[in-house]
Amino acid sequence: MAEQATQTRQDASGRGSDEVAELREELARSKEEVLRLRDLLIGKDAELGTQRGRVAELEAGTARLLNIGSRLRAKVPSFVWKARAGLRGRRGSQD
């Protein structure tokens, strides 16, 4: 085990300062890229949350309208709906 540690230290010192500097620069670039992507992901997540809220608002409004429509349909006698359907059928055949 001690031999491996010694050998690793020798390999690292034998690489040269140029290679170590390159690796450090690459690591710094990778960290910057990770931070950039993280910020982008946070922004997209916030945008998605806003859109989900908007969808919830629209669904609530639609549910209210459907509820009102069903109440109106229940209050109007069925023969009125049948007459309306008949009138629509005649209009469609005249066009």
PDB file of N, CA and C in Angstrom:
ATOM      1  N   MET A   1       0.823  -1.174   0.000  1.00  0.00           N
ATOM      2  CA  MET A   1       0.000   0.000   0.000  1.00  0.00           C
ATOM      3  C   MET A   1       0.878   1.252   0.000  1.00  0.00           C
ATOM      4  N   ALA A   2       1.932   1.232   0.792  1.00  0.00           N
ATOM      5  CA  ALA A   2       2.837   2.378   0.865  1.00  0.00           C
ATOM      6  C   ALA A   2       3.542   2.579  -0.472  1.00  0.00           C
ATOM      7  N   GLU A   3       3.807   1.489  -1.167  1.00  0.00           N
ATOM      8  CA  GLU A   3       4.470   1.598  -2.468  1.00  0.00           C
ATOM      9  C   GLU A   3       3.575   2.308  -3.488  1.00  0.00           C
ATOM     10  N   GLN A   4       2.287   2.011  -3.443  1.00  0.00           N
ATOM     11  CA  GLN A   4       1.364   2.646  -4.378  1.00  0.00           C
ATOM     12  C   GLN A   4       1.281   4.146  -4.132  1.00  0.00           C
ATOM     13  N   ALA A   5       1.215   4.542  -2.881  1.00  0.00           N
ATOM     14  CA  ALA A   5       1.137   5.956  -2.542  1.00  0.00           C
ATOM     15  C   ALA A   5       2.399   6.674  -2.997  1.00  0.00           C
ATOM     16  N   THR A   6       3.556   6.067  -2.785  1.00  0.00           N
ATOM     17  CA  THR A   6       4.819   6.664  -3.200  1.00  0.00           C
ATOM     18  C   THR A   6       4.884   6.773  -4.719  1.00  0.00           C
ATOM     19  N   GLN A   7       4.430   5.723  -5.398  1.00  0.00           N
ATOM     20  CA  GLN A   7       4.461   5.714  -6.845  1.00  0.00           C
ATOM     21  C   GLN A   7       3.528   6.794  -7.416  1.00  0.00           C
ATOM     22  N   THR A   8       2.372   6.987  -6.815  1.00  0.00           N
ATOM     23  CA  THR A   8       1.431   7.999  -7.271  1.00  0.00           C
ATOM     24  C   THR A   8       2.031   9.385  -7.110  1.00  0.00           C
ATOM     25  N   ARG A   9       2.700   9.631  -6.003  1.00  0.00           N
ATOM     26  CA  ARG A   9       3.334  10.933  -5.781  1.00  0.00           C
ATOM     27  C   ARG A   9       4.423  11.184  -6.816  1.00  0.00           C
ATOM     28  N   GLN A  10       5.199  10.159  -7.129  1.00  0.00           N
ATOM     29  CA  GLN A  10       6.266  10.317  -8.110  1.00  0.00           C
ATOM     30  C   GLN A  10       5.689  10.602  -9.493  1.00  0.00           C
ATOM     31  N   ASP A  11       4.574   9.915  -9.847  1.00  0.00           N
ATOM     32  CA  ASP A  11       3.939  10.135 -11.141  1.00  0.00           C
ATOM     33  C   ASP A  11       3.416  11.565 -11.236  1.00  0.00           C
ATOM     34  N   ALA A  12       2.831  12.060 -10.164  1.00  0.00           N
ATOM     35  CA  ALA A  12       2.280  13.408 -10.166  1.00  0.00           C
ATOM     36  C   ALA A  12       3.385  14.445 -10.305  1.00  0.00           C
ATOM     37  N   SER A  13       4.502  14.230  -9.628  1.00  0.00           N
ATOM     38  CA  SER A  13       5.592  15.195  -9.723  1.00  0.00           C
ATOM     39  C   SER A  13       6.310  15.078 -11.064  1.00  0.00           C
ATOM     40  N   GLY A  14       6.269  13.933 -11.683  1.00  0.00           N
ATOM     41  CA  GLY A  14       6.918  13.723 -12.964  1.00  0.00           C
ATOM     42  C   GLY A  14       6.118  14.282 -14.132  1.00  0.00           C
ATOM     43  N   ARG A  15       4.857  14.561 -13.952  1.00  0.00           N
ATOM     44  CA  ARG A  15       4.006  15.066 -15.030  1.00  0.00           C
ATOM     45  C   ARG A  15       4.461  16.439 -15.510  1.00  0.00           C
ATOM     46  N   GLY A  16       4.859  17.243 -14.635  1.00  0.00           N
ATOM     47  CA  GLY A  16       5.257  18.594 -15.002  1.00  0.00           C
ATOM     48  C   GLY A  16       4.199  19.595 -14.621  1.00  0.00           C
ATOM     49  N   SER A  17       4.647  20.780 -14.402  1.00  0.00           N
ATOM     50  CA  SER A  17       3.737  21.833 -13.947  1.00  0.00           C
ATOM     51  C   SER A  17       2.773  22.257 -15.050  1.00  0.00           C
ATOM     52  N   ASP A  18       3.149  22.106 -16.317  1.00  0.00           N
ATOM     53  CA  ASP A  18       2.260  22.488 -17.419  1.00  0.00           C
ATOM     54  C   ASP A  18       1.014  21.617 -17.441  1.00  0.00           C
ATOM     55  N   GLU A  19       1.209  20.330 -17.292  1.00  0.00           N
ATOM     56  CA  GLU A  19       0.071  19.419 -17.328  1.00  0.00           C
ATOM     57  C   GLU A  19      -0.844  19.635 -16.130  1.00  0.00           C
ATOM     58  N   VAL A  20      -0.269  19.884 -14.974  1.00  0.00           N
ATOM     59  CA  VAL A  20      -1.064  20.148 -13.775  1.00  0.00           C
ATOM     60  C   VAL A  20      -1.848  21.446 -13.958  1.00  0.00           C
ATOM     61  N   ALA A  21      -1.230  22.448 -14.533  1.00  0.00           N
ATOM     62  CA  ALA A  21      -1.906  23.718 -14.771  1.00  0.00           C
ATOM     63  C   ALA A  21      -3.060  23.523 -15.753  1.00  0.00           C
ATOM     64  N   GLU A  22      -2.856  22.737 -16.792  1.00  0.00           N
ATOM     65  CA  GLU A  22      -3.917  22.446 -17.759  1.00  0.00           C
ATOM     66  C   GLU A  22      -5.088  21.744 -17.093  1.00  0.00           C
ATOM     67  N   LEU A  23      -4.769  20.783 -16.240  1.00  0.00           N
ATOM     68  CA  LEU A  23      -5.825  20.055 -15.544  1.00  0.00           C
ATOM     69  C   LEU A  23      -6.609  20.976 -14.612  1.00  0.00           C
ATOM     70  N   ARG A  24      -5.911  21.885 -13.953  1.00  0.00           N
ATOM     71  CA  ARG A  24      -6.600  22.832 -13.065  1.00  0.00           C
ATOM     72  C   ARG A  24      -7.499  23.766 -13.868  1.00  0.00           C
ATOM     73  N   GLU A  25      -7.016  24.231 -15.020  1.00  0.00           N
ATOM     74  CA  GLU A  25      -7.843  25.087 -15.873  1.00  0.00           C
ATOM     75  C   GLU A  25      -9.071  24.329 -16.372  1.00  0.00           C
ATOM     76  N   GLU A  26      -8.874  23.085 -16.756  1.00  0.00           N
ATOM     77  CA  GLU A  26     -10.004  22.268 -17.223  1.00  0.00           C
ATOM     78  C   GLU A  26     -11.011  22.057 -16.101  1.00  0.00           C
ATOM     79  N   LEU A  27     -10.518  21.840 -14.905  1.00  0.00           N
ATOM     80  CA  LEU A  27     -11.406  21.679 -13.750  1.00  0.00           C
ATOM     81  C   LEU A  27     -12.178  22.964 -13.480  1.00  0.00           C
ATOM     82  N   ALA A  28     -11.504  24.101 -13.585  1.00  0.00           N
ATOM     83  CA  ALA A  28     -12.170  25.382 -13.373  1.00  0.00           C
ATOM     84  C   ALA A  28     -13.246  25.609 -14.439  1.00  0.00           C
ATOM     85  N   ARG A  29     -12.942  25.282 -15.702  1.00  0.00           N
ATOM     86  CA  ARG A  29     -13.939  25.419 -16.773  1.00  0.00           C
ATOM     87  C   ARG A  29     -15.128  24.492 -16.531  1.00  0.00           C
ATOM     88  N   SER A  30     -14.834  23.292 -16.077  1.00  0.00           N
ATOM     89  CA  SER A  30     -15.923  22.343 -15.803  1.00  0.00           C
ATOM     90  C   SER A  30     -16.814  22.855 -14.670  1.00  0.00           C
ATOM     91  N   LYS A  31     -16.207  23.420 -13.646  1.00  0.00           N
ATOM     92  CA  LYS A  31     -17.002  23.970 -12.538  1.00  0.00           C
ATOM     93  C   LYS A  31     -17.863  25.130 -13.010  1.00  0.00           C
ATOM     94  N   GLU A  32     -17.303  26.003 -13.855  1.00  0.00           N
ATOM     95  CA  GLU A  32     -18.084  27.119 -14.393  1.00  0.00           C
ATOM     96  C   GLU A  32     -19.255  26.607 -15.219  1.00  0.00           C
ATOM     97  N   GLU A  33     -19.017  25.585 -16.024  1.00  0.00           N
ATOM     98  CA  GLU A  33     -20.078  25.012 -16.859  1.00  0.00           C
ATOM     99  C   GLU A  33     -21.171  24.394 -15.989  1.00  0.00           C
ATOM    100  N   VAL A  34     -20.784  23.729 -14.921  1.00  0.00           N
ATOM    101  CA  VAL A  34     -21.768  23.146 -14.007  1.00  0.00           C
ATOM    102  C   VAL A  34     -22.617  24.246 -13.380  1.00  0.00           C
ATOM    103  N   LEU A  35     -21.975  25.338 -12.967  1.00  0.00           N
ATOM    104  CA  LEU A  35     -22.726  26.448 -12.375  1.00  0.00           C
ATOM    105  C   LEU A  35     -23.665  27.084 -13.396  1.00  0.00           C
ATOM    106  N   ARG A  36     -23.201  27.242 -14.642  1.00  0.00           N
ATOM    107  CA  ARG A  36     -24.035  27.818 -15.686  1.00  0.00           C
ATOM    108  C   ARG A  36     -25.267  26.940 -15.948  1.00  0.00           C
ATOM    109  N   LEU A  37     -25.029  25.650 -16.043  1.00  0.00           N
ATOM    110  CA  LEU A  37     -26.130  24.726 -16.302  1.00  0.00           C
ATOM    111  C   LEU A  37     -27.093  24.660 -15.118  1.00  0.00           C
ATOM    112  N   ARG A  38     -26.544  24.746 -13.922  1.00  0.00           N
ATOM    113  CA  ARG A  38     -27.401  24.742 -12.726  1.00  0.00           C
ATOM    114  C   ARG A  38     -28.306  25.968 -12.709  1.00  0.00           C
ATOM    115  N   ASP A  39     -27.737  27.127 -13.027  1.00  0.00           N
ATOM    116  CA  ASP A  39     -28.536  28.354 -13.078  1.00  0.00           C
ATOM    117  C   ASP A  39     -29.610  28.259 -14.159  1.00  0.00           C
ATOM    118  N   LEU A  40     -29.247  27.706 -15.293  1.00  0.00           N
ATOM    119  CA  LEU A  40     -30.215  27.526 -16.373  1.00  0.00           C
ATOM    120  C   LEU A  40     -31.352  26.601 -15.938  1.00  0.00           C
ATOM    121  N   LEU A  41     -31.007  25.529 -15.258  1.00  0.00           N
ATOM    122  CA  LEU A  41     -32.012  24.588 -14.769  1.00  0.00           C
ATOM    123  C   LEU A  41     -32.936  25.243 -13.743  1.00  0.00           C
ATOM    124  N   ILE A  42     -32.375  26.055 -12.872  1.00  0.00           N
ATOM    125  CA  ILE A  42     -33.192  26.752 -11.875  1.00  0.00           C
ATOM    126  C   ILE A  42     -34.153  27.706 -12.565  1.00  0.00           C
ATOM    127  N   GLY A  43     -33.675  28.415 -13.593  1.00  0.00           N
ATOM    128  CA  GLY A  43     -34.533  29.320 -14.348  1.00  0.00           C
ATOM    129  C   GLY A  43     -35.666  28.590 -15.045  1.00  0.00           C
ATOM    130  N   LYS A  44     -35.337  27.454 -15.666  1.00  0.00           N
ATOM    131  CA  LYS A  44     -36.368  26.670 -16.358  1.00  0.00           C
ATOM    132  C   LYS A  44     -37.373  26.109 -15.370  1.00  0.00           C
ATOM    133  N   ASP A  45     -36.902  25.720 -14.199  1.00  0.00           N
ATOM    134  CA  ASP A  45     -37.798  25.187 -13.174  1.00  0.00           C
ATOM    135  C   ASP A  45     -38.775  26.264 -12.699  1.00  0.00           C
ATOM    136  N   ALA A  46     -38.278  27.492 -12.542  1.00  0.00           N
ATOM    137  CA  ALA A  46     -39.149  28.601 -12.147  1.00  0.00           C
ATOM    138  C   ALA A  46     -40.180  28.883 -13.243  1.00  0.00           C
ATOM    139  N   GLU A  47     -39.730  28.854 -14.485  1.00  0.00           N
ATOM    140  CA  GLU A  47     -40.649  29.077 -15.607  1.00  0.00           C
ATOM    141  C   GLU A  47     -41.720  27.986 -15.662  1.00  0.00           C
ATOM    142  N   LEU A  48     -41.312  26.758 -15.435  1.00  0.00           N
ATOM    143  CA  LEU A  48     -42.261  25.649 -15.423  1.00  0.00           C
ATOM    144  C   LEU A  48     -43.281  25.813 -14.305  1.00  0.00           C
ATOM    145  N   GLY A  49     -42.835  26.260 -13.144  1.00  0.00           N
ATOM    146  CA  GLY A  49     -43.750  26.488 -12.028  1.00  0.00           C
ATOM    147  C   GLY A  49     -44.784  27.550 -12.363  1.00  0.00           C
ATOM    148  N   THR A  50     -44.344  28.610 -13.046  1.00  0.00           N
ATOM    149  CA  THR A  50     -45.267  29.668 -13.459  1.00  0.00           C
ATOM    150  C   THR A  50     -46.312  29.122 -14.420  1.00  0.00           C
ATOM    151  N   GLN A  51     -45.859  28.321 -15.385  1.00  0.00           N
ATOM    152  CA  GLN A  51     -46.788  27.756 -16.368  1.00  0.00           C
ATOM    153  C   GLN A  51     -47.772  26.786 -15.717  1.00  0.00           C
ATOM    154  N   ARG A  52     -47.288  26.011 -14.761  1.00  0.00           N
ATOM    155  CA  ARG A  52     -48.188  25.087 -14.057  1.00  0.00           C
ATOM    156  C   ARG A  52     -49.256  25.862 -13.286  1.00  0.00           C
ATOM    157  N   GLY A  53     -48.865  26.981 -12.691  1.00  0.00           N
ATOM    158  CA  GLY A  53     -49.841  27.814 -11.992  1.00  0.00           C
ATOM    159  C   GLY A  53     -50.889  28.361 -12.947  1.00  0.00           C
ATOM    160  N   ARG A  54     -50.450  28.772 -14.124  1.00  0.00           N
ATOM    161  CA  ARG A  54     -51.380  29.298 -15.133  1.00  0.00           C
ATOM    162  C   ARG A  54     -52.351  28.210 -15.592  1.00  0.00           C
ATOM    163  N   VAL A  55     -51.843  27.000 -15.796  1.00  0.00           N
ATOM    164  CA  VAL A  55     -52.704  25.888 -16.196  1.00  0.00           C
ATOM    165  C   VAL A  55     -53.746  25.614 -15.109  1.00  0.00           C
ATOM    166  N   ALA A  56     -53.322  25.663 -13.852  1.00  0.00           N
ATOM    167  CA  ALA A  56     -54.265  25.437 -12.748  1.00  0.00           C
ATOM    168  C   ALA A  56     -55.361  26.502 -12.740  1.00  0.00           C
ATOM    169  N   GLU A  57     -54.980  27.762 -13.007  1.00  0.00           N
ATOM    170  CA  GLU A  57     -55.980  28.832 -13.078  1.00  0.00           C
ATOM    171  C   GLU A  57     -56.979  28.570 -14.199  1.00  0.00           C
ATOM    172  N   LEU A  58     -56.477  28.204 -15.362  1.00  0.00           N
ATOM    173  CA  LEU A  58     -57.360  27.947 -16.506  1.00  0.00           C
ATOM    174  C   LEU A  58     -58.276  26.754 -16.248  1.00  0.00           C
ATOM    175  N   GLU A  59     -57.741  25.715 -15.621  1.00  0.00           N
ATOM    176  CA  GLU A  59     -58.566  24.548 -15.310  1.00  0.00           C
ATOM    177  C   GLU A  59     -59.674  24.912 -14.329  1.00  0.00           C
ATOM    178  N   ALA A  60     -59.354  25.751 -13.351  1.00  0.00           N
ATOM    179  CA  ALA A  60     -60.371  26.162 -12.376  1.00  0.00           C
ATOM    180  C   ALA A  60     -61.468  26.972 -13.070  1.00  0.00           C
ATOM    181  N   GLY A  61     -61.066  27.869 -13.968  1.00  0.00           N
ATOM    182  CA  GLY A  61     -62.054  28.654 -14.703  1.00  0.00           C
ATOM    183  C   GLY A  61     -62.925  27.786 -15.591  1.00  0.00           C
ATOM    184  N   THR A  62     -62.310  26.809 -16.239  1.00  0.00           N
ATOM    185  CA  THR A  62     -63.062  25.891 -17.097  1.00  0.00           C
ATOM    186  C   THR A  62     -64.043  25.063 -16.275  1.00  0.00           C
ATOM    187  N   ALA A  63     -63.602  24.630 -15.121  1.00  0.00           N
ATOM    188  CA  ALA A  63     -64.493  23.835 -14.262  1.00  0.00           C
ATOM    189  C   ALA A  63     -65.715  24.661 -13.846  1.00  0.00           C
ATOM    190  N   ARG A  64     -65.499  25.933 -13.549  1.00  0.00           N
ATOM    191  CA  ARG A  64     -66.634  26.796 -13.175  1.00  0.00           C
ATOM    192  C   ARG A  64     -67.606  26.936 -14.344  1.00  0.00           C
ATOM    193  N   LEU A  65     -67.065  27.162 -15.539  1.00  0.00           N
ATOM    194  CA  LEU A  65     -67.940  27.306 -16.712  1.00  0.00           C
ATOM    195  C   LEU A  65     -68.709  26.026 -17.000  1.00  0.00           C
ATOM    196  N   LEU A  66     -68.055  24.886 -16.881  1.00  0.00           N
ATOM    197  CA  LEU A  66     -68.741  23.616 -17.104  1.00  0.00           C
ATOM    198  C   LEU A  66     -69.836  23.395 -16.068  1.00  0.00           C
ATOM    199  N   ASN A  67     -69.567  23.796 -14.849  1.00  0.00           N
ATOM    200  CA  ASN A  67     -70.560  23.663 -13.783  1.00  0.00           C
ATOM    201  C   ASN A  67     -71.770  24.546 -14.072  1.00  0.00           C
ATOM    202  N   ILE A  68     -71.526  25.781 -14.507  1.00  0.00           N
ATOM    203  CA  ILE A  68     -72.628  26.681 -14.857  1.00  0.00           C
ATOM    204  C   ILE A  68     -73.421  26.105 -16.026  1.00  0.00           C
ATOM    205  N   GLY A  69     -72.719  25.587 -17.033  1.00  0.00           N
ATOM    206  CA  GLY A  69     -73.404  24.992 -18.187  1.00  0.00           C
ATOM    207  C   GLY A  69     -74.277  23.821 -17.799  1.00  0.00           C
ATOM    208  N   SER A  70     -73.789  22.978 -16.907  1.00  0.00           N
ATOM    209  CA  SER A  70     -74.597  21.827 -16.495  1.00  0.00           C
ATOM    210  C   SER A  70     -75.817  22.271 -15.681  1.00  0.00           C
ATOM    211  N   ARG A  71     -75.658  23.332 -14.896  1.00  0.00           N
ATOM    212  CA  ARG A  71     -76.814  23.854 -14.152  1.00  0.00           C
ATOM    213  C   ARG A  71     -77.875  24.400 -15.106  1.00  0.00           C
ATOM    214  N   LEU A  72     -77.421  25.136 -16.109  1.00  0.00           N
ATOM    215  CA  LEU A  72     -78.373  25.678 -17.087  1.00  0.00           C
ATOM    216  C   LEU A  72     -79.074  24.558 -17.841  1.00  0.00           C
ATOM    217  N   ARG A  73     -78.316  23.554 -18.235  1.00  0.00           N
ATOM    218  CA  ARG A  73     -78.898  22.428 -18.966  1.00  0.00           C
ATOM    219  C   ARG A  73     -79.945  21.720 -18.109  1.00  0.00           C
ATOM    220  N   ALA A  74     -79.694  21.637 -16.825  1.00  0.00           N
ATOM    221  CA  ALA A  74     -80.643  20.964 -15.933  1.00  0.00           C
ATOM    222  C   ALA A  74     -81.924  21.781 -15.764  1.00  0.00           C
ATOM    223  N   LYS A  75     -81.840  23.098 -15.866  1.00  0.00           N
ATOM    224  CA  LYS A  75     -83.022  23.944 -15.660  1.00  0.00           C
ATOM    225  C   LYS A  75     -83.878  24.081 -16.913  1.00  0.00           C
ATOM    226  N   VAL A  76     -83.281  23.862 -18.080  1.00  0.00           N
ATOM    227  CA  VAL A  76     -84.031  23.997 -19.330  1.00  0.00           C
ATOM    228  C   VAL A  76     -84.651  22.638 -19.654  1.00  0.00           C
ATOM    229  N   PRO A  77     -85.931  22.616 -19.984  1.00  0.00           N
ATOM    230  CA  PRO A  77     -86.587  21.338 -20.294  1.00  0.00           C
ATOM    231  C   PRO A  77     -85.936  20.657 -21.511  1.00  0.00           C
ATOM    232  N   SER A  78     -86.017  19.345 -21.530  1.00  0.00           N
ATOM    233  CA  SER A  78     -85.338  18.580 -22.576  1.00  0.00           C
ATOM    234  C   SER A  78     -85.915  18.841 -23.966  1.00  0.00           C
ATOM    235  N   PHE A  79     -87.218  19.175 -24.052  1.00  0.00           N
ATOM    236  CA  PHE A  79     -87.785  19.411 -25.387  1.00  0.00           C
ATOM    237  C   PHE A  79     -87.146  20.634 -26.057  1.00  0.00           C
ATOM    238  N   VAL A  80     -86.661  21.583 -25.255  1.00  0.00           N
ATOM    239  CA  VAL A  80     -85.991  22.754 -25.832  1.00  0.00           C
ATOM    240  C   VAL A  80     -84.686  22.325 -26.499  1.00  0.00           C
ATOM    241  N   TRP A  81     -83.961  21.419 -25.871  1.00  0.00           N
ATOM    242  CA  TRP A  81     -82.696  20.935 -26.445  1.00  0.00           C
ATOM    243  C   TRP A  81     -82.960  20.140 -27.724  1.00  0.00           C
ATOM    244  N   LYS A  82     -84.055  19.379 -27.709  1.00  0.00           N
ATOM    245  CA  LYS A  82     -84.395  18.608 -28.910  1.00  0.00           C
ATOM    246  C   LYS A  82     -84.791  19.537 -30.057  1.00  0.00           C
ATOM    247  N   ALA A  83     -85.548  20.583 -29.742  1.00  0.00           N
ATOM    248  CA  ALA A  83     -85.947  21.547 -30.770  1.00  0.00           C
ATOM    249  C   ALA A  83     -84.721  22.278 -31.321  1.00  0.00           C
ATOM    250  N   ARG A  84     -83.827  22.619 -30.443  1.00  0.00           N
ATOM    251  CA  ARG A  84     -82.590  23.286 -30.864  1.00  0.00           C
ATOM    252  C   ARG A  84     -81.783  22.391 -31.793  1.00  0.00           C
ATOM    253  N   ALA A  85     -81.689  21.119 -31.450  1.00  0.00           N
ATOM    254  CA  ALA A  85     -80.949  20.177 -32.293  1.00  0.00           C
ATOM    255  C   ALA A  85     -81.622  20.038 -33.661  1.00  0.00           C
ATOM    256  N   GLY A  86     -82.957  20.033 -33.680  1.00  0.00           N
ATOM    257  CA  GLY A  86     -83.688  19.948 -34.943  1.00  0.00           C
ATOM    258  C   GLY A  86     -83.453  21.166 -35.819  1.00  0.00           C
ATOM    259  N   LEU A  87     -83.447  22.336 -35.214  1.00  0.00           N
ATOM    260  CA  LEU A  87     -83.190  23.560 -35.966  1.00  0.00           C
ATOM    261  C   LEU A  87     -81.773  23.577 -36.534  1.00  0.00           C
ATOM    262  N   ARG A  88     -80.842  23.102 -35.769  1.00  0.00           N
ATOM    263  CA  ARG A  88     -79.462  23.040 -36.251  1.00  0.00           C
ATOM    264  C   ARG A  88     -79.345  22.091 -37.429  1.00  0.00           C
ATOM    265  N   GLY A  89     -80.075  20.992 -37.376  1.00  0.00           N
ATOM    266  CA  GLY A  89     -80.035  20.022 -38.464  1.00  0.00           C
ATOM    267  C   GLY A  89     -80.582  20.609 -39.763  1.00  0.00           C
ATOM    268  N   ARG A  90     -81.628  21.381 -39.647  1.00  0.00           N
ATOM    269  CA  ARG A  90     -82.226  22.002 -40.849  1.00  0.00           C
ATOM    270  C   ARG A  90     -81.274  23.061 -41.430  1.00  0.00           C
ATOM    271  N   ARG A  91     -80.660  23.829 -40.547  1.00  0.00           N
ATOM    272  CA  ARG A  91     -79.727  24.851 -41.016  1.00  0.00           C
ATOM    273  C   ARG A  91     -78.536  24.221 -41.740  1.00  0.00           C
ATOM    274  N   GLY A  92     -78.083  23.105 -41.241  1.00  0.00           N
ATOM    275  CA  GLY A  92     -76.941  22.410 -41.843  1.00  0.00           C
ATOM    276  C   GLY A  92     -77.273  21.871 -43.233  1.00  0.00           C
ATOM    277  N   SER A  93     -78.497  21.418 -43.434  1.00  0.00           N
ATOM    278  CA  SER A  93     -78.867  20.866 -44.737  1.00  0.00           C
ATOM    279  C   SER A  93     -79.152  21.957 -45.762  1.00  0.00           C
ATOM    280  N   GLN A  94     -79.491  23.176 -45.315  1.00  0.00           N
ATOM    281  CA  GLN A  94     -79.751  24.280 -46.240  1.00  0.00           C
ATOM    282  C   GLN A  94     -78.461  24.883 -46.776  1.00  0.00           C
ATOM    283  N   ASP A  95     -77.377  24.777 -46.048  1.00  0.00           N
ATOM    284  CA  ASP A  95     -76.103  25.394 -46.460  1.00  0.00           C
ATOM    285  C   ASP A  95     -75.506  24.753 -47.653  1.00  0.00           C
TER     286      ASP A  95
END
